[in-house]
Amino acid sequence: MTTDNHPIPPSATDATPTDTQAAYFSQFHESIGYVNFASVGAPSQAVLQTEQRMLEQLAAAGPHTVADLMEAPRAAARRVAAMTGRRPDEITMQPNTSTALYHAAFSLPADDHVPVVLLNAHEFPANLYPWKRAESAGLVSVRTYDGPANAASIAPLLDGVDVVSLSVVDFRTGYLADLDEIRETIGDRLMVVDGIQGFGVVDADWSQADVLAVGGQKWVRAGWSTGFMACSPRALERLSRPLLSGWSGAEGSERYDAALHEPLPGADRFAASVLSPIAAGRLDAALALVESVGVPWIRSRVARFAERLDEDVRTMGGALVRDDDPRHWSAILPLAFPGHDVAAIGRRLREAGVTCSVHPSTIRIAPHATTGEDTYRLLVDALRDAVAR
């Protein structure tokens, strides 16, 4: 893509990208018509080059190769710590969001009280299976609520609840949870947050989460098998029985004495084995690009795309379905077309070269800062044609 391929006509304040923004644009080359970042994000050239460089380093393995490569997880942890308000020892690499959530679900202490976990009844499976599996093992008890992840939905059900687990952005509706409001509502209960649909593209106070689980393959654009788990001091105190932890999450991991060792004091206790340092390198490279332009700028690009799309879709008799309060808007843009077959619209979009997700009642559009004018025009023209049939 070129740096003048903006999703909306340049404004007086955004007429020419800064050198940093131009450098950011030059990193990405997703196909025209791609608006499916809520499923997977196209990685940058920096991510591809980092993987190639580290693989070549491994291919020429020498006395210091492993030690040098293993610096990548530490570098990534430092960067994540700066972006989440945590310390580096409160960050650990994970291969995906699900694994981090499994660690949380299977690490609560065993005593006479079975911890009670509160979930949204319509959670994405990654934040459902860990808790239900833990429940089937007798480790927790799960309650659910309807409605969006907000204080009004959660507060009436908090009696006896120990853990509130939620998605910062609803994968279906795009509803952005207010973590500050929820923290105020739940007090010192553990808050576990699946942050994959928001991290890198929405503004949030991530330090409110006791456990923040993020996979890097969507909005961070680091590719699969990347991610992290950020833990608060409260989480490290209460998640004291890491049942899924392995030898690399224990003290004396290089002491091979056929004995089980005590868990590490920090977040690295939540490690089943040694993860790929090359994956950590990709994550670090991707996060460096996010830092270079800043999340507010990325979000502003998506917001301008959404504003324009909302106006155009209304002329077709459709609607961008989202909360009335802009504070709950994210980068997920569900489109509804009453009286039309959503599946048929989805097929026509695909035939036209648009890549998006089709849900039972909406078309989910998920653009990024690099989504260009060619993609916008293709999307709107294809929607208009599909609705007219």
Protein backbone atom coordinates (compact mmCIF):
# COMPACT_ATOMS: atom_id res chain seq x y z
CA MET A 1 0.00 0.00 0.00
CA THR A 2 1.12 3.57 -0.53
CA THR A 3 1.21 6.30 2.06
CA ASP A 4 -1.38 8.41 0.21
CA ASN A 5 -3.92 5.59 0.22
CA HIS A 6 -5.98 6.95 3.12
CA PRO A 7 -9.38 5.50 4.08
CA ILE A 8 -10.95 8.98 4.00
CA PRO A 9 -9.95 12.18 2.21
CA PRO A 10 -7.14 13.94 4.11
CA SER A 11 -8.25 16.56 6.58
CA ALA A 12 -6.46 19.76 7.46
CA THR A 13 -4.82 18.00 10.38
CA ASP A 14 -4.02 14.79 8.50
CA ALA A 15 -3.11 16.03 5.03
CA THR A 16 0.37 14.57 4.96
CA PRO A 17 1.60 11.69 7.11
CA THR A 18 4.53 12.42 9.37
CA ASP A 19 7.75 10.58 8.62
CA THR A 20 6.92 8.11 11.38
CA GLN A 21 3.42 7.52 10.05
CA ALA A 22 4.73 7.13 6.50
CA ALA A 23 7.26 4.59 7.75
CA TYR A 24 4.42 2.74 9.49
CA PHE A 25 2.30 2.66 6.32
CA SER A 26 5.23 1.33 4.29
CA GLN A 27 5.45 -1.73 6.54
CA PHE A 28 2.12 -3.23 5.46
CA HIS A 29 0.86 -4.71 2.20
CA GLU A 30 -2.48 -6.39 2.85
CA SER A 31 -4.68 -6.99 -0.18
CA ILE A 32 -7.27 -4.46 -1.30
CA GLY A 33 -10.59 -5.51 0.23
CA TYR A 34 -9.16 -6.86 3.48
CA VAL A 35 -11.26 -5.71 6.47
CA ASN A 36 -10.99 -8.74 8.74
CA PHE A 37 -8.44 -7.75 11.37
CA ALA A 38 -10.73 -9.04 14.13
CA SER A 39 -9.97 -12.51 12.72
CA VAL A 40 -6.30 -12.13 11.84
CA GLY A 41 -4.08 -9.17 11.07
CA ALA A 42 -1.61 -9.03 8.20
CA PRO A 43 1.91 -8.83 9.71
CA SER A 44 4.42 -6.12 8.89
CA GLN A 45 7.67 -6.34 6.99
CA ALA A 46 9.44 -5.81 10.32
CA VAL A 47 7.77 -8.94 11.71
CA LEU A 48 8.70 -10.99 8.65
CA GLN A 49 12.28 -9.71 8.69
CA THR A 50 12.65 -10.40 12.41
CA GLU A 51 11.57 -14.00 11.96
CA GLN A 52 13.92 -14.46 9.00
CA ARG A 53 16.85 -12.90 10.85
CA MET A 54 16.32 -15.03 13.95
CA LEU A 55 15.91 -18.23 11.93
CA GLU A 56 19.14 -17.48 10.09
CA GLN A 57 20.80 -16.88 13.45
CA LEU A 58 19.57 -20.29 14.62
CA ALA A 59 20.68 -21.94 11.36
CA ALA A 60 24.23 -20.74 12.05
CA ALA A 61 24.05 -21.96 15.65
CA GLY A 62 27.09 -21.37 17.80
CA PRO A 63 28.07 -21.23 21.48
CA HIS A 64 26.02 -18.10 22.24
CA THR A 65 23.07 -18.58 19.87
CA VAL A 66 20.50 -19.84 22.37
CA ALA A 67 21.39 -17.21 24.96
CA ASP A 68 21.20 -14.47 22.34
CA LEU A 69 17.83 -15.66 21.01
CA MET A 70 16.41 -15.97 24.51
CA GLU A 71 16.85 -12.24 24.99
CA ALA A 72 13.80 -11.74 22.74
CA PRO A 73 11.19 -12.82 25.34
CA ARG A 74 12.77 -10.49 27.89
CA ALA A 75 12.75 -7.60 25.42
CA ALA A 76 9.11 -8.27 24.54
CA ALA A 77 8.19 -8.46 28.23
CA ARG A 78 9.79 -5.07 28.85
CA ARG A 79 7.81 -3.55 25.99
CA VAL A 80 4.54 -5.13 27.13
CA ALA A 81 5.19 -3.92 30.67
CA ALA A 82 5.54 -0.35 29.44
CA MET A 83 2.28 -0.63 27.47
CA THR A 84 0.24 -2.22 30.28
CA GLY A 85 1.49 -0.43 33.38
CA ARG A 86 3.14 -3.56 34.77
CA ARG A 87 6.68 -4.59 35.67
CA PRO A 88 8.61 -6.93 33.36
CA ASP A 89 8.49 -9.71 35.96
CA GLU A 90 4.67 -9.45 35.87
CA ILE A 91 4.68 -10.34 32.15
CA THR A 92 5.13 -13.75 30.59
CA MET A 93 4.99 -14.83 26.97
CA GLN A 94 2.10 -17.07 25.86
CA PRO A 95 1.41 -18.76 22.51
CA ASN A 96 -2.16 -17.42 22.40
CA THR A 97 -4.96 -15.95 24.47
CA SER A 98 -6.53 -19.31 25.29
CA THR A 99 -3.42 -20.71 26.96
CA ALA A 100 -3.12 -17.67 29.20
CA LEU A 101 -6.77 -17.99 30.22
CA TYR A 102 -6.31 -21.69 30.96
CA HIS A 103 -3.45 -20.80 33.29
CA ALA A 104 -5.71 -18.36 35.12
CA ALA A 105 -8.60 -20.83 35.37
CA PHE A 106 -6.41 -23.66 36.68
CA SER A 107 -4.32 -21.67 39.17
CA LEU A 108 -6.82 -20.64 41.85
CA PRO A 109 -6.02 -22.11 45.29
CA ALA A 110 -7.71 -25.21 46.68
CA ASP A 111 -9.51 -24.84 49.99
CA ASP A 112 -12.98 -25.38 51.42
CA HIS A 113 -14.35 -22.61 49.20
CA VAL A 114 -14.81 -23.29 45.49
CA PRO A 115 -14.11 -19.99 43.67
CA VAL A 116 -17.05 -18.54 41.77
CA VAL A 117 -16.37 -17.07 38.33
CA LEU A 118 -18.73 -14.66 36.55
CA LEU A 119 -18.80 -14.75 32.73
CA ASN A 120 -20.84 -13.23 29.95
CA ALA A 121 -23.34 -15.79 28.64
CA HIS A 122 -22.22 -15.00 25.09
CA GLU A 123 -18.45 -15.03 25.58
CA PHE A 124 -16.08 -16.02 22.80
CA PRO A 125 -15.08 -19.68 23.32
CA ALA A 126 -11.50 -18.77 24.28
CA ASN A 127 -12.86 -17.20 27.47
CA LEU A 128 -15.46 -19.91 28.06
CA TYR A 129 -13.68 -23.25 27.68
CA PRO A 130 -10.97 -22.68 30.32
CA TRP A 131 -13.48 -21.85 33.03
CA LYS A 132 -15.93 -24.59 32.08
CA ARG A 133 -13.10 -27.15 31.93
CA ALA A 134 -11.95 -25.99 35.36
CA GLU A 135 -15.54 -26.28 36.58
CA SER A 136 -15.80 -29.84 35.28
CA ALA A 137 -12.69 -30.64 37.33
CA GLY A 138 -14.31 -29.21 40.45
CA LEU A 139 -11.92 -26.26 40.63
CA VAL A 140 -14.39 -23.39 40.09
CA SER A 141 -18.09 -22.69 39.78
CA VAL A 142 -19.26 -20.64 36.79
CA ARG A 143 -22.12 -18.13 36.71
CA THR A 144 -23.19 -16.16 33.64
CA TYR A 145 -24.94 -12.89 32.89
CA ASP A 146 -26.65 -11.44 29.83
CA GLY A 147 -26.03 -8.04 28.32
CA PRO A 148 -22.81 -6.16 27.63
CA ALA A 149 -19.78 -6.30 29.91
CA ASN A 150 -20.57 -3.30 32.08
CA ALA A 151 -21.43 -2.39 35.65
CA ALA A 152 -25.19 -2.59 35.08
CA SER A 153 -24.94 -6.20 33.90
CA ILE A 154 -22.37 -7.36 36.42
CA ALA A 155 -23.25 -5.60 39.69
CA PRO A 156 -26.50 -7.49 40.49
CA LEU A 157 -24.70 -10.86 40.38
CA LEU A 158 -21.56 -10.11 42.39
CA ASP A 159 -22.57 -11.67 45.72
CA GLY A 160 -20.27 -14.61 46.35
CA VAL A 161 -18.25 -14.00 43.16
CA ASP A 162 -14.45 -14.26 43.36
CA VAL A 163 -13.45 -13.74 39.71
CA VAL A 164 -14.95 -11.67 36.90
CA SER A 165 -13.69 -12.72 33.48
CA LEU A 166 -14.59 -10.66 30.42
CA SER A 167 -13.56 -9.64 26.92
CA VAL A 168 -12.49 -6.03 26.61
CA VAL A 169 -14.25 -5.97 23.22
CA ASP A 170 -17.20 -8.18 22.34
CA PHE A 171 -16.26 -10.10 19.19
CA ARG A 172 -19.85 -9.92 17.86
CA THR A 173 -21.05 -6.43 18.77
CA GLY A 174 -17.79 -4.53 19.12
CA TYR A 175 -18.85 -3.28 22.56
CA LEU A 176 -15.82 -1.85 24.38
CA ALA A 177 -15.87 -2.51 28.12
CA ASP A 178 -14.94 0.29 30.50
CA LEU A 179 -12.31 -1.40 32.65
CA ASP A 180 -12.19 1.51 35.11
CA GLU A 181 -15.94 1.31 35.71
CA ILE A 182 -15.86 -2.46 36.10
CA ARG A 183 -12.96 -2.29 38.54
CA GLU A 184 -14.85 0.23 40.65
CA THR A 185 -17.88 -2.07 40.57
CA ILE A 186 -16.17 -5.35 41.47
CA GLY A 187 -13.75 -4.05 44.09
CA ASP A 188 -10.82 -6.33 44.86
CA ARG A 189 -12.22 -9.37 43.08
CA LEU A 190 -9.93 -10.76 40.40
CA MET A 191 -10.59 -9.26 36.97
CA VAL A 192 -9.44 -11.49 34.12
CA VAL A 193 -9.53 -9.78 30.72
CA ASP A 194 -9.33 -11.31 27.26
CA GLY A 195 -7.76 -8.34 25.52
CA ILE A 196 -7.14 -9.73 22.05
CA GLN A 197 -9.88 -7.70 20.32
CA GLY A 198 -8.66 -4.42 21.77
CA PHE A 199 -4.97 -4.40 22.56
CA GLY A 200 -3.14 -2.23 20.05
CA VAL A 201 -6.25 -0.55 18.65
CA VAL A 202 -8.30 0.82 21.58
CA ASP A 203 -7.41 3.03 24.51
CA ALA A 204 -7.88 1.27 27.84
CA ASP A 205 -6.36 1.31 31.30
CA TRP A 206 -4.91 -2.18 31.07
CA SER A 207 -3.54 -1.94 34.60
CA GLN A 208 -7.09 -2.43 35.89
CA ALA A 209 -6.94 -6.06 34.74
CA ASP A 210 -5.46 -8.53 37.22
CA VAL A 211 -4.84 -10.91 34.33
CA LEU A 212 -4.61 -9.55 30.80
CA ALA A 213 -4.46 -12.28 28.15
CA VAL A 214 -3.59 -11.16 24.62
CA GLY A 215 -2.77 -13.07 21.45
CA GLY A 216 -0.69 -11.15 18.95
CA GLN A 217 -2.22 -12.42 15.72
CA LYS A 218 -5.08 -9.93 15.36
CA TRP A 219 -4.75 -6.17 15.94
CA VAL A 220 -1.11 -6.35 17.07
CA ARG A 221 -0.26 -7.99 13.72
CA ALA A 222 2.51 -10.25 15.02
CA GLY A 223 1.29 -13.50 13.47
CA TRP A 224 0.14 -16.71 15.14
CA SER A 225 1.83 -18.29 18.19
CA THR A 226 2.52 -14.89 19.75
CA GLY A 227 1.00 -13.40 22.87
CA PHE A 228 1.43 -12.52 26.51
CA MET A 229 -0.11 -12.70 29.96
CA ALA A 230 0.18 -9.63 32.20
CA CYS A 231 -0.47 -10.16 35.91
CA SER A 232 -1.12 -7.76 38.76
CA PRO A 233 0.41 -8.31 42.21
CA ARG A 234 -3.07 -9.40 43.33
CA ALA A 235 -3.16 -12.05 40.59
CA LEU A 236 0.28 -13.35 41.49
CA GLU A 237 -0.81 -13.60 45.12
CA ARG A 238 -4.09 -15.39 44.44
CA LEU A 239 -3.17 -17.58 41.46
CA SER A 240 -0.89 -19.53 43.74
CA ARG A 241 -1.47 -23.06 42.42
CA PRO A 242 -0.38 -23.10 38.75
CA LEU A 243 -1.56 -26.60 37.88
CA LEU A 244 -0.72 -26.23 34.19
CA SER A 245 2.78 -24.96 34.85
CA GLY A 246 5.73 -27.04 33.72
CA TRP A 247 9.42 -27.28 34.48
CA SER A 248 10.22 -23.95 32.83
CA GLY A 249 7.80 -22.22 35.21
CA ALA A 250 9.53 -23.55 38.31
CA GLU A 251 12.53 -22.59 40.41
CA GLY A 252 15.76 -24.30 39.41
CA SER A 253 14.53 -25.19 35.94
CA GLU A 254 18.01 -26.37 34.97
CA ARG A 255 18.33 -28.64 38.00
CA TYR A 256 17.29 -31.99 36.55
CA ASP A 257 16.80 -33.95 39.77
CA ALA A 258 13.48 -35.70 39.04
CA ALA A 259 11.75 -33.52 41.66
CA LEU A 260 8.94 -30.98 41.39
CA HIS A 261 10.22 -27.52 42.25
CA GLU A 262 8.34 -24.52 43.61
CA PRO A 263 6.70 -22.17 41.07
CA LEU A 264 8.60 -19.05 40.09
CA PRO A 265 7.56 -15.94 42.04
CA GLY A 266 6.61 -13.84 39.01
CA ALA A 267 4.39 -14.30 35.98
CA ASP A 268 6.83 -16.77 34.42
CA ARG A 269 5.30 -19.39 36.73
CA PHE A 270 2.58 -19.66 34.05
CA ALA A 271 4.80 -21.52 31.60
CA ALA A 272 4.15 -25.08 30.49
CA SER A 273 7.41 -25.25 28.55
CA VAL A 274 9.97 -23.06 26.82
CA LEU A 275 8.24 -21.07 24.09
CA SER A 276 9.74 -19.97 20.81
CA PRO A 277 11.99 -16.93 21.23
CA ILE A 278 11.40 -16.28 17.53
CA ALA A 279 7.69 -15.82 18.22
CA ALA A 280 8.60 -13.41 21.02
CA GLY A 281 10.82 -11.54 18.58
CA ARG A 282 7.91 -11.17 16.17
CA LEU A 283 5.71 -9.86 18.98
CA ASP A 284 8.34 -7.34 20.04
CA ALA A 285 8.76 -6.09 16.46
CA ALA A 286 4.99 -5.72 16.04
CA LEU A 287 4.59 -3.86 19.32
CA ALA A 288 7.45 -1.53 18.42
CA LEU A 289 5.47 -0.43 15.37
CA VAL A 290 2.37 0.18 17.49
CA GLU A 291 4.46 2.28 19.86
CA SER A 292 6.00 4.23 16.99
CA VAL A 293 2.69 5.82 15.96
CA GLY A 294 0.70 5.32 19.17
CA VAL A 295 -2.62 3.62 19.81
CA PRO A 296 -4.60 6.92 19.80
CA TRP A 297 -3.50 7.58 16.21
CA ILE A 298 -4.36 4.03 15.13
CA ARG A 299 -7.75 4.29 16.77
CA SER A 300 -8.42 7.70 15.21
CA ARG A 301 -7.82 6.25 11.74
CA VAL A 302 -10.33 3.48 12.39
CA ALA A 303 -12.81 5.96 13.90
CA ARG A 304 -12.76 8.11 10.76
CA PHE A 305 -13.29 5.01 8.62
CA ALA A 306 -16.25 4.03 10.82
CA GLU A 307 -17.81 7.49 10.65
CA ARG A 308 -17.72 7.49 6.88
CA LEU A 309 -18.98 3.91 6.64
CA ASP A 310 -21.88 4.69 8.96
CA GLU A 311 -23.01 7.51 6.68
CA ASP A 312 -22.75 5.43 3.50
CA VAL A 313 -24.49 2.38 4.95
CA ARG A 314 -27.42 4.51 6.09
CA THR A 315 -28.03 5.53 2.47
CA MET A 316 -28.47 1.81 1.69
CA GLY A 317 -31.07 1.30 4.41
CA GLY A 318 -28.56 -0.35 6.70
CA ALA A 319 -26.97 0.61 9.99
CA LEU A 320 -23.70 0.39 11.86
CA VAL A 321 -24.91 -1.36 15.01
CA ARG A 322 -23.12 -0.14 18.11
CA ASP A 323 -23.74 1.38 21.52
CA ASP A 324 -25.14 4.90 21.77
CA ASP A 325 -22.17 5.93 23.91
CA PRO A 326 -18.98 6.47 21.85
CA ARG A 327 -16.92 5.40 24.87
CA HIS A 328 -18.00 1.84 24.06
CA TRP A 329 -17.00 1.92 20.38
CA SER A 330 -14.15 -0.26 19.18
CA ALA A 331 -12.60 -1.20 15.84
CA ILE A 332 -15.23 -3.91 15.24
CA LEU A 333 -18.01 -2.51 13.05
CA PRO A 334 -21.12 -4.74 12.74
CA LEU A 335 -23.40 -3.81 9.82
CA ALA A 336 -27.08 -4.75 9.76
CA PHE A 337 -29.39 -4.61 6.73
CA PRO A 338 -32.99 -5.23 7.86
CA GLY A 339 -35.03 -7.19 5.35
CA HIS A 340 -31.96 -8.57 3.58
CA ASP A 341 -30.32 -11.99 3.71
CA VAL A 342 -27.05 -11.36 5.55
CA ALA A 343 -25.50 -14.60 4.31
CA ALA A 344 -26.26 -13.61 0.71
CA ILE A 345 -24.69 -10.19 1.25
CA GLY A 346 -21.63 -11.93 2.66
CA ARG A 347 -21.34 -14.16 -0.40
CA ARG A 348 -21.54 -11.18 -2.74
CA LEU A 349 -18.89 -9.33 -0.77
CA ARG A 350 -16.59 -12.32 -1.02
CA GLU A 351 -17.22 -12.59 -4.77
CA ALA A 352 -16.30 -8.90 -5.09
CA GLY A 353 -13.00 -9.46 -3.25
CA VAL A 354 -13.95 -8.18 0.21
CA THR A 355 -12.59 -10.19 3.14
CA CYS A 356 -14.75 -9.83 6.25
CA SER A 357 -16.72 -12.00 8.70
CA VAL A 358 -20.40 -12.88 8.36
CA HIS A 359 -22.34 -13.39 11.58
CA PRO A 360 -25.96 -14.57 11.84
CA SER A 361 -27.46 -11.06 11.76
CA THR A 362 -24.57 -8.77 10.84
CA ILE A 363 -21.61 -8.30 8.53
CA ARG A 364 -18.55 -7.70 10.73
CA ILE A 365 -16.17 -5.14 9.25
CA ALA A 366 -12.85 -4.75 11.06
CA PRO A 367 -10.45 -2.24 9.44
CA HIS A 368 -7.04 -1.12 10.67
CA ALA A 369 -5.07 2.10 10.37
CA THR A 370 -3.62 0.90 7.06
CA THR A 371 -6.97 0.15 5.45
CA GLY A 372 -6.87 2.25 2.28
CA GLU A 373 -9.24 4.20 0.09
CA ASP A 374 -9.25 1.45 -2.55
CA THR A 375 -10.51 -0.99 0.07
CA TYR A 376 -13.10 1.46 1.33
CA ARG A 377 -14.50 2.06 -2.15
CA LEU A 378 -14.54 -1.65 -2.97
CA LEU A 379 -16.39 -2.40 0.27
CA VAL A 380 -19.03 0.31 -0.16
CA ASP A 381 -19.61 -0.43 -3.84
CA ALA A 382 -19.94 -4.15 -3.12
CA LEU A 383 -22.37 -3.50 -0.27
CA ARG A 384 -24.45 -1.20 -2.42
CA ASP A 385 -24.59 -3.78 -5.20
CA ALA A 386 -25.45 -6.61 -2.80
CA VAL A 387 -28.27 -4.69 -1.13
CA ALA A 388 -29.71 -3.60 -4.48
CA ARG A 389 -30.18 -7.17 -5.71
